Amino acid sequence: MAADQLLLSAVSLISALQLGYLARCVGRSRLKHNISPPTTTGHAEFERTFRAHQNCVEAYLPFLVTLWVSGLFFHEGLAALGGLVFIFARQMYFNGYVTSAKNRLPGFYLTLAAWLTLAALGTVGILHHLLDEYLDINLRKMLFKS
């Protein structure tokens, strides 16, 4: 049922809306600096805005994959929380990059931490399910013996 992945769906939708907002920021910067498409060079602020958006687009697919895998195979709530941290970090990254390339770093490092956490949770979740399904080894039972 779709409702079983409510948190993952909500975080995915928020992240898609954020990407739309960032694209709109690029459009506003084009207007502000009179840079018509398909031109991607011009005023330094526009170039940083454009590059920040492109970097966010490039990070989007790995984010969605790790969000859903960690949510489906490890824990939906933890994955959703990691996804919200990722979205917040991407906004920090974007806002920082627009002002100066150096200011993107705090958001970049927080983004990386959130993404690596989601990837680790997903990896552990898949490993647990693979071992249980194909080798009849249940890590949860082994670690938490009653």
N, C-alpha and C. Protein backbone atom coordinates (compact mmCIF):
# COMPACT_ATOMS: atom_id res chain seq x y z
N MET A 1 0.84 -1.18 0.00
CA MET A 1 0.00 0.00 0.00
C MET A 1 0.89 1.25 0.00
N ALA A 2 0.40 2.25 -0.68
CA ALA A 2 1.15 3.51 -0.77
C ALA A 2 1.32 4.15 0.61
N ALA A 3 0.34 3.99 1.46
CA ALA A 3 0.41 4.60 2.79
C ALA A 3 1.53 4.00 3.63
N ASP A 4 2.01 2.81 3.26
CA ASP A 4 3.09 2.18 4.01
C ASP A 4 4.40 2.94 3.88
N GLN A 5 4.54 3.72 2.83
CA GLN A 5 5.75 4.52 2.62
C GLN A 5 5.42 6.02 2.67
N LEU A 6 4.55 6.40 3.56
CA LEU A 6 4.09 7.79 3.64
C LEU A 6 5.25 8.76 3.90
N LEU A 7 6.12 8.43 4.85
CA LEU A 7 7.22 9.35 5.18
C LEU A 7 8.19 9.48 4.02
N LEU A 8 8.54 8.36 3.40
CA LEU A 8 9.46 8.42 2.26
C LEU A 8 8.85 9.21 1.11
N SER A 9 7.56 9.02 0.88
CA SER A 9 6.87 9.75 -0.19
C SER A 9 6.85 11.25 0.11
N ALA A 10 6.57 11.61 1.36
CA ALA A 10 6.52 13.03 1.73
C ALA A 10 7.89 13.69 1.55
N VAL A 11 8.95 13.02 2.00
CA VAL A 11 10.30 13.58 1.86
C VAL A 11 10.67 13.68 0.38
N SER A 12 10.29 12.69 -0.41
CA SER A 12 10.57 12.74 -1.86
C SER A 12 9.87 13.92 -2.51
N LEU A 13 8.63 14.15 -2.12
CA LEU A 13 7.89 15.28 -2.68
C LEU A 13 8.51 16.61 -2.26
N ILE A 14 8.88 16.73 -1.01
CA ILE A 14 9.52 17.96 -0.53
C ILE A 14 10.82 18.20 -1.31
N SER A 15 11.59 17.14 -1.54
CA SER A 15 12.85 17.30 -2.27
C SER A 15 12.61 17.72 -3.72
N ALA A 16 11.56 17.18 -4.34
CA ALA A 16 11.24 17.57 -5.72
C ALA A 16 10.80 19.03 -5.77
N LEU A 17 10.01 19.45 -4.79
CA LEU A 17 9.59 20.85 -4.74
C LEU A 17 10.79 21.77 -4.51
N GLN A 18 11.74 21.31 -3.71
CA GLN A 18 12.95 22.11 -3.49
C GLN A 18 13.71 22.29 -4.80
N LEU A 19 13.85 21.22 -5.58
CA LEU A 19 14.55 21.33 -6.87
C LEU A 19 13.85 22.31 -7.79
N GLY A 20 12.52 22.30 -7.77
CA GLY A 20 11.77 23.27 -8.56
C GLY A 20 12.04 24.69 -8.10
N TYR A 21 12.09 24.89 -6.79
CA TYR A 21 12.39 26.21 -6.23
C TYR A 21 13.79 26.66 -6.66
N LEU A 22 14.76 25.76 -6.59
CA LEU A 22 16.12 26.11 -6.98
C LEU A 22 16.20 26.46 -8.47
N ALA A 23 15.45 25.74 -9.29
CA ALA A 23 15.40 26.07 -10.73
C ALA A 23 14.82 27.47 -10.92
N ARG A 24 13.81 27.80 -10.13
CA ARG A 24 13.22 29.14 -10.21
C ARG A 24 14.24 30.21 -9.80
N CYS A 25 15.08 29.89 -8.83
CA CYS A 25 16.14 30.83 -8.43
C CYS A 25 17.10 31.10 -9.59
N VAL A 26 17.40 30.06 -10.36
CA VAL A 26 18.25 30.24 -11.53
C VAL A 26 17.55 31.17 -12.53
N GLY A 27 16.27 30.96 -12.74
CA GLY A 27 15.50 31.81 -13.65
C GLY A 27 15.50 33.26 -13.21
N ARG A 28 15.31 33.48 -11.91
CA ARG A 28 15.33 34.86 -11.39
C ARG A 28 16.70 35.49 -11.57
N SER A 29 17.75 34.69 -11.38
CA SER A 29 19.11 35.21 -11.56
C SER A 29 19.36 35.55 -13.03
N ARG A 30 18.81 34.75 -13.94
CA ARG A 30 18.92 35.06 -15.38
C ARG A 30 18.29 36.42 -15.66
N LEU A 31 17.09 36.63 -15.11
CA LEU A 31 16.40 37.91 -15.33
C LEU A 31 17.18 39.07 -14.72
N LYS A 32 17.64 38.88 -13.51
CA LYS A 32 18.37 39.93 -12.79
C LYS A 32 19.62 40.37 -13.55
N HIS A 33 20.31 39.41 -14.16
CA HIS A 33 21.58 39.72 -14.83
C HIS A 33 21.46 39.72 -16.35
N ASN A 34 20.22 39.64 -16.85
CA ASN A 34 19.93 39.72 -18.28
C ASN A 34 20.74 38.67 -19.08
N ILE A 35 20.60 37.41 -18.65
CA ILE A 35 21.30 36.30 -19.31
C ILE A 35 20.25 35.36 -19.87
N SER A 36 20.15 35.32 -21.18
CA SER A 36 19.13 34.51 -21.85
C SER A 36 19.60 33.08 -22.04
N PRO A 37 18.68 32.11 -21.92
CA PRO A 37 19.04 30.72 -22.22
C PRO A 37 19.42 30.59 -23.68
N PRO A 38 20.27 29.74 -24.06
CA PRO A 38 20.92 28.69 -23.28
C PRO A 38 22.26 29.12 -22.66
N THR A 39 22.55 30.39 -22.65
CA THR A 39 23.81 30.88 -22.10
C THR A 39 23.94 30.48 -20.64
N THR A 40 25.12 29.99 -20.27
CA THR A 40 25.37 29.59 -18.88
C THR A 40 26.55 30.35 -18.27
N THR A 41 26.99 31.39 -18.96
CA THR A 41 28.06 32.22 -18.43
C THR A 41 27.60 33.66 -18.41
N GLY A 42 28.29 34.46 -17.64
CA GLY A 42 27.94 35.87 -17.53
C GLY A 42 28.36 36.40 -16.17
N HIS A 43 27.46 37.03 -15.49
CA HIS A 43 27.72 37.58 -14.16
C HIS A 43 28.11 36.46 -13.19
N ALA A 44 29.07 36.73 -12.32
CA ALA A 44 29.58 35.70 -11.40
C ALA A 44 28.47 35.15 -10.49
N GLU A 45 27.57 36.01 -10.04
CA GLU A 45 26.49 35.53 -9.17
C GLU A 45 25.59 34.55 -9.93
N PHE A 46 25.29 34.86 -11.17
CA PHE A 46 24.48 33.94 -11.98
C PHE A 46 25.21 32.61 -12.15
N GLU A 47 26.49 32.65 -12.47
CA GLU A 47 27.24 31.42 -12.69
C GLU A 47 27.26 30.54 -11.44
N ARG A 48 27.40 31.17 -10.26
CA ARG A 48 27.36 30.39 -9.02
C ARG A 48 25.97 29.81 -8.78
N THR A 49 24.93 30.60 -9.05
CA THR A 49 23.56 30.13 -8.88
C THR A 49 23.29 28.96 -9.82
N PHE A 50 23.69 29.10 -11.06
CA PHE A 50 23.49 28.05 -12.06
C PHE A 50 24.24 26.78 -11.64
N ARG A 51 25.51 26.93 -11.24
CA ARG A 51 26.32 25.78 -10.86
C ARG A 51 25.77 25.11 -9.60
N ALA A 52 25.32 25.90 -8.64
CA ALA A 52 24.75 25.34 -7.42
C ALA A 52 23.53 24.48 -7.74
N HIS A 53 22.68 25.00 -8.64
CA HIS A 53 21.50 24.22 -9.04
C HIS A 53 21.92 22.94 -9.75
N GLN A 54 22.86 23.02 -10.66
CA GLN A 54 23.32 21.83 -11.38
C GLN A 54 23.88 20.79 -10.41
N ASN A 55 24.65 21.24 -9.44
CA ASN A 55 25.20 20.31 -8.45
C ASN A 55 24.09 19.64 -7.65
N CYS A 56 23.04 20.39 -7.33
CA CYS A 56 21.90 19.81 -6.60
C CYS A 56 21.19 18.78 -7.47
N VAL A 57 21.05 19.05 -8.75
CA VAL A 57 20.43 18.09 -9.67
C VAL A 57 21.29 16.82 -9.75
N GLU A 58 22.60 16.99 -9.81
CA GLU A 58 23.50 15.84 -9.90
C GLU A 58 23.45 14.97 -8.65
N ALA A 59 23.20 15.58 -7.51
CA ALA A 59 23.13 14.84 -6.24
C ALA A 59 21.77 14.20 -6.00
N TYR A 60 20.78 14.57 -6.81
CA TYR A 60 19.40 14.17 -6.55
C TYR A 60 19.16 12.67 -6.72
N LEU A 61 19.63 12.08 -7.79
CA LEU A 61 19.38 10.66 -8.02
C LEU A 61 20.02 9.77 -6.94
N PRO A 62 21.30 9.96 -6.60
CA PRO A 62 21.86 9.16 -5.50
C PRO A 62 21.09 9.36 -4.19
N PHE A 63 20.64 10.58 -3.95
CA PHE A 63 19.85 10.84 -2.74
C PHE A 63 18.56 10.03 -2.75
N LEU A 64 17.81 10.08 -3.84
CA LEU A 64 16.53 9.36 -3.88
C LEU A 64 16.73 7.86 -3.73
N VAL A 65 17.74 7.31 -4.39
CA VAL A 65 17.99 5.87 -4.29
C VAL A 65 18.31 5.49 -2.85
N THR A 66 19.22 6.21 -2.22
CA THR A 66 19.60 5.85 -0.84
C THR A 66 18.46 6.12 0.14
N LEU A 67 17.68 7.17 -0.09
CA LEU A 67 16.52 7.44 0.76
C LEU A 67 15.57 6.25 0.75
N TRP A 68 15.19 5.81 -0.43
CA TRP A 68 14.19 4.74 -0.55
C TRP A 68 14.74 3.39 -0.11
N VAL A 69 15.98 3.08 -0.47
CA VAL A 69 16.55 1.80 -0.06
C VAL A 69 16.68 1.74 1.45
N SER A 70 17.19 2.80 2.06
CA SER A 70 17.33 2.79 3.53
C SER A 70 15.97 2.76 4.21
N GLY A 71 14.98 3.43 3.63
CA GLY A 71 13.64 3.42 4.21
C GLY A 71 12.94 2.08 4.07
N LEU A 72 13.11 1.43 2.94
CA LEU A 72 12.44 0.14 2.71
C LEU A 72 13.12 -1.01 3.42
N PHE A 73 14.45 -0.98 3.52
CA PHE A 73 15.17 -2.13 4.06
C PHE A 73 15.72 -1.92 5.47
N PHE A 74 15.78 -0.68 5.96
CA PHE A 74 16.30 -0.46 7.31
C PHE A 74 15.21 0.08 8.22
N HIS A 75 14.87 1.38 8.06
CA HIS A 75 13.85 1.98 8.92
C HIS A 75 13.33 3.25 8.26
N GLU A 76 12.03 3.28 7.99
CA GLU A 76 11.45 4.41 7.27
C GLU A 76 11.64 5.73 8.01
N GLY A 77 11.41 5.74 9.31
CA GLY A 77 11.52 6.98 10.08
C GLY A 77 12.93 7.55 10.07
N LEU A 78 13.93 6.69 10.27
CA LEU A 78 15.32 7.15 10.23
C LEU A 78 15.70 7.65 8.84
N ALA A 79 15.24 6.95 7.83
CA ALA A 79 15.52 7.37 6.46
C ALA A 79 14.88 8.72 6.17
N ALA A 80 13.64 8.90 6.59
CA ALA A 80 12.95 10.17 6.36
C ALA A 80 13.68 11.30 7.09
N LEU A 81 14.12 11.05 8.30
CA LEU A 81 14.88 12.06 9.04
C LEU A 81 16.18 12.40 8.31
N GLY A 82 16.89 11.37 7.84
CA GLY A 82 18.10 11.61 7.06
C GLY A 82 17.81 12.38 5.79
N GLY A 83 16.66 12.10 5.17
CA GLY A 83 16.26 12.82 3.97
C GLY A 83 16.00 14.29 4.25
N LEU A 84 15.36 14.57 5.38
CA LEU A 84 15.10 15.97 5.74
C LEU A 84 16.41 16.71 6.02
N VAL A 85 17.35 16.02 6.66
CA VAL A 85 18.66 16.64 6.89
C VAL A 85 19.34 16.92 5.55
N PHE A 86 19.25 15.98 4.62
CA PHE A 86 19.83 16.17 3.29
C PHE A 86 19.22 17.39 2.61
N ILE A 87 17.90 17.52 2.66
CA ILE A 87 17.21 18.65 2.02
C ILE A 87 17.66 19.97 2.65
N PHE A 88 17.72 20.01 3.97
CA PHE A 88 18.19 21.20 4.68
C PHE A 88 19.63 21.53 4.27
N ALA A 89 20.48 20.50 4.21
CA ALA A 89 21.88 20.70 3.84
C ALA A 89 22.02 21.19 2.41
N ARG A 90 21.20 20.68 1.50
CA ARG A 90 21.25 21.15 0.11
C ARG A 90 20.85 22.62 0.02
N GLN A 91 19.89 23.03 0.84
CA GLN A 91 19.50 24.44 0.83
C GLN A 91 20.64 25.30 1.38
N MET A 92 21.29 24.82 2.45
CA MET A 92 22.47 25.53 2.98
C MET A 92 23.54 25.64 1.91
N TYR A 93 23.77 24.54 1.21
CA TYR A 93 24.77 24.50 0.15
C TYR A 93 24.43 25.52 -0.94
N PHE A 94 23.20 25.49 -1.40
CA PHE A 94 22.78 26.39 -2.47
C PHE A 94 22.92 27.84 -2.04
N ASN A 95 22.38 28.19 -0.88
CA ASN A 95 22.44 29.57 -0.40
C ASN A 95 23.88 30.03 -0.23
N GLY A 96 24.72 29.16 0.30
CA GLY A 96 26.12 29.52 0.48
C GLY A 96 26.84 29.72 -0.84
N TYR A 97 26.58 28.83 -1.78
CA TYR A 97 27.24 28.90 -3.08
C TYR A 97 26.85 30.16 -3.84
N VAL A 98 25.61 30.57 -3.73
CA VAL A 98 25.17 31.79 -4.42
C VAL A 98 25.97 33.00 -3.95
N THR A 99 26.31 33.04 -2.67
CA THR A 99 27.05 34.19 -2.15
C THR A 99 28.54 34.11 -2.48
N SER A 100 29.14 32.92 -2.36
CA SER A 100 30.53 32.72 -2.76
C SER A 100 30.81 31.22 -2.79
N ALA A 101 31.71 30.81 -3.65
CA ALA A 101 32.02 29.38 -3.79
C ALA A 101 32.49 28.78 -2.47
N LYS A 102 33.24 29.54 -1.69
CA LYS A 102 33.75 29.05 -0.41
C LYS A 102 32.62 28.80 0.59
N ASN A 103 31.55 29.57 0.52
CA ASN A 103 30.46 29.44 1.48
C ASN A 103 29.60 28.20 1.27
N ARG A 104 29.87 27.45 0.21
CA ARG A 104 29.10 26.23 -0.05
C ARG A 104 29.55 25.08 0.84
N LEU A 105 30.75 25.16 1.41
CA LEU A 105 31.36 24.02 2.09
C LEU A 105 30.58 23.49 3.29
N PRO A 106 30.06 24.32 4.21
CA PRO A 106 29.30 23.74 5.33
C PRO A 106 28.11 22.91 4.84
N GLY A 107 27.38 23.41 3.88
CA GLY A 107 26.26 22.66 3.32
C GLY A 107 26.71 21.40 2.60
N PHE A 108 27.85 21.48 1.93
CA PHE A 108 28.39 20.32 1.23
C PHE A 108 28.72 19.21 2.22
N TYR A 109 29.41 19.56 3.32
CA TYR A 109 29.81 18.54 4.29
C TYR A 109 28.60 17.92 4.99
N LEU A 110 27.60 18.73 5.30
CA LEU A 110 26.38 18.19 5.91
C LEU A 110 25.63 17.31 4.92
N THR A 111 25.59 17.71 3.66
CA THR A 111 24.98 16.89 2.62
C THR A 111 25.69 15.54 2.52
N LEU A 112 26.99 15.56 2.50
CA LEU A 112 27.77 14.34 2.40
C LEU A 112 27.50 13.42 3.59
N ALA A 113 27.46 13.99 4.79
CA ALA A 113 27.19 13.18 5.99
C ALA A 113 25.80 12.55 5.92
N ALA A 114 24.80 13.32 5.50
CA ALA A 114 23.44 12.77 5.39
C ALA A 114 23.38 11.68 4.34
N TRP A 115 24.00 11.89 3.19
CA TRP A 115 23.98 10.91 2.12
C TRP A 115 24.71 9.63 2.53
N LEU A 116 25.87 9.77 3.15
CA LEU A 116 26.62 8.58 3.57
C LEU A 116 25.86 7.80 4.65
N THR A 117 25.16 8.52 5.52
CA THR A 117 24.33 7.85 6.53
C THR A 117 23.22 7.05 5.87
N LEU A 118 22.52 7.67 4.91
CA LEU A 118 21.47 6.95 4.19
C LEU A 118 22.04 5.73 3.45
N ALA A 119 23.19 5.90 2.83
CA ALA A 119 23.82 4.79 2.11
C ALA A 119 24.20 3.66 3.07
N ALA A 120 24.73 4.02 4.23
CA ALA A 120 25.11 3.00 5.22
C ALA A 120 23.88 2.26 5.74
N LEU A 121 22.81 3.00 6.06
CA LEU A 121 21.59 2.35 6.53
C LEU A 121 21.03 1.41 5.47
N GLY A 122 21.02 1.86 4.24
CA GLY A 122 20.53 1.02 3.15
C GLY A 122 21.37 -0.23 2.97
N THR A 123 22.68 -0.08 3.06
CA THR A 123 23.59 -1.21 2.92
C THR A 123 23.36 -2.24 4.02
N VAL A 124 23.26 -1.76 5.25
CA VAL A 124 23.02 -2.66 6.38
C VAL A 124 21.66 -3.36 6.21
N GLY A 125 20.66 -2.61 5.80
CA GLY A 125 19.33 -3.19 5.61
C GLY A 125 19.31 -4.25 4.54
N ILE A 126 19.94 -3.98 3.41
CA ILE A 126 19.99 -4.96 2.32
C ILE A 126 20.79 -6.19 2.75
N LEU A 127 21.92 -5.97 3.39
CA LEU A 127 22.74 -7.09 3.86
C LEU A 127 21.93 -7.98 4.80
N HIS A 128 21.24 -7.37 5.74
CA HIS A 128 20.40 -8.14 6.68
C HIS A 128 19.38 -8.99 5.93
N HIS A 129 18.69 -8.40 4.98
CA HIS A 129 17.65 -9.12 4.24
C HIS A 129 18.24 -10.20 3.34
N LEU A 130 19.39 -9.94 2.72
CA LEU A 130 20.04 -10.96 1.90
C LEU A 130 20.45 -12.17 2.73
N LEU A 131 21.08 -11.89 3.87
CA LEU A 131 21.51 -12.99 4.75
C LEU A 131 20.32 -13.79 5.25
N ASP A 132 19.26 -13.10 5.61
CA ASP A 132 18.07 -13.78 6.12
C ASP A 132 17.39 -14.59 5.02
N GLU A 133 17.25 -14.02 3.86
CA GLU A 133 16.52 -14.67 2.76
C GLU A 133 17.28 -15.85 2.17
N TYR A 134 18.60 -15.69 1.94
CA TYR A 134 19.33 -16.70 1.19
C TYR A 134 20.21 -17.62 2.04
N LEU A 135 20.57 -17.19 3.25
CA LEU A 135 21.41 -18.03 4.10
C LEU A 135 20.75 -18.36 5.43
N ASP A 136 19.53 -17.91 5.61
CA ASP A 136 18.78 -18.14 6.84
C ASP A 136 19.55 -17.66 8.08
N ILE A 137 20.23 -16.54 7.92
CA ILE A 137 20.95 -15.91 9.03
C ILE A 137 20.21 -14.62 9.37
N ASN A 138 19.63 -14.57 10.56
CA ASN A 138 18.89 -13.39 10.97
C ASN A 138 19.75 -12.59 11.95
N LEU A 139 20.34 -11.51 11.45
CA LEU A 139 21.23 -10.69 12.28
C LEU A 139 20.51 -10.10 13.48
N ARG A 140 19.27 -9.72 13.30
CA ARG A 140 18.51 -9.12 14.39
C ARG A 140 18.37 -10.09 15.55
N LYS A 141 18.05 -11.35 15.24
CA LYS A 141 17.91 -12.38 16.27
C LYS A 141 19.26 -12.67 16.93
N MET A 142 20.32 -12.68 16.12
CA MET A 142 21.65 -12.96 16.66
C MET A 142 22.12 -11.86 17.60
N LEU A 143 21.84 -10.62 17.24
CA LEU A 143 22.30 -9.49 18.04
C LEU A 143 21.45 -9.24 19.27
N PHE A 144 20.19 -9.55 19.18
CA PHE A 144 19.27 -9.27 20.28
C PHE A 144 18.62 -10.55 20.81
N LYS A 145 19.45 -11.50 21.22
CA LYS A 145 18.94 -12.76 21.74
C LYS A 145 18.15 -12.50 23.02
N SER A 146 17.03 -13.18 23.11
CA SER A 146 16.18 -13.01 24.31
C SER A 146 16.57 -13.95 25.40
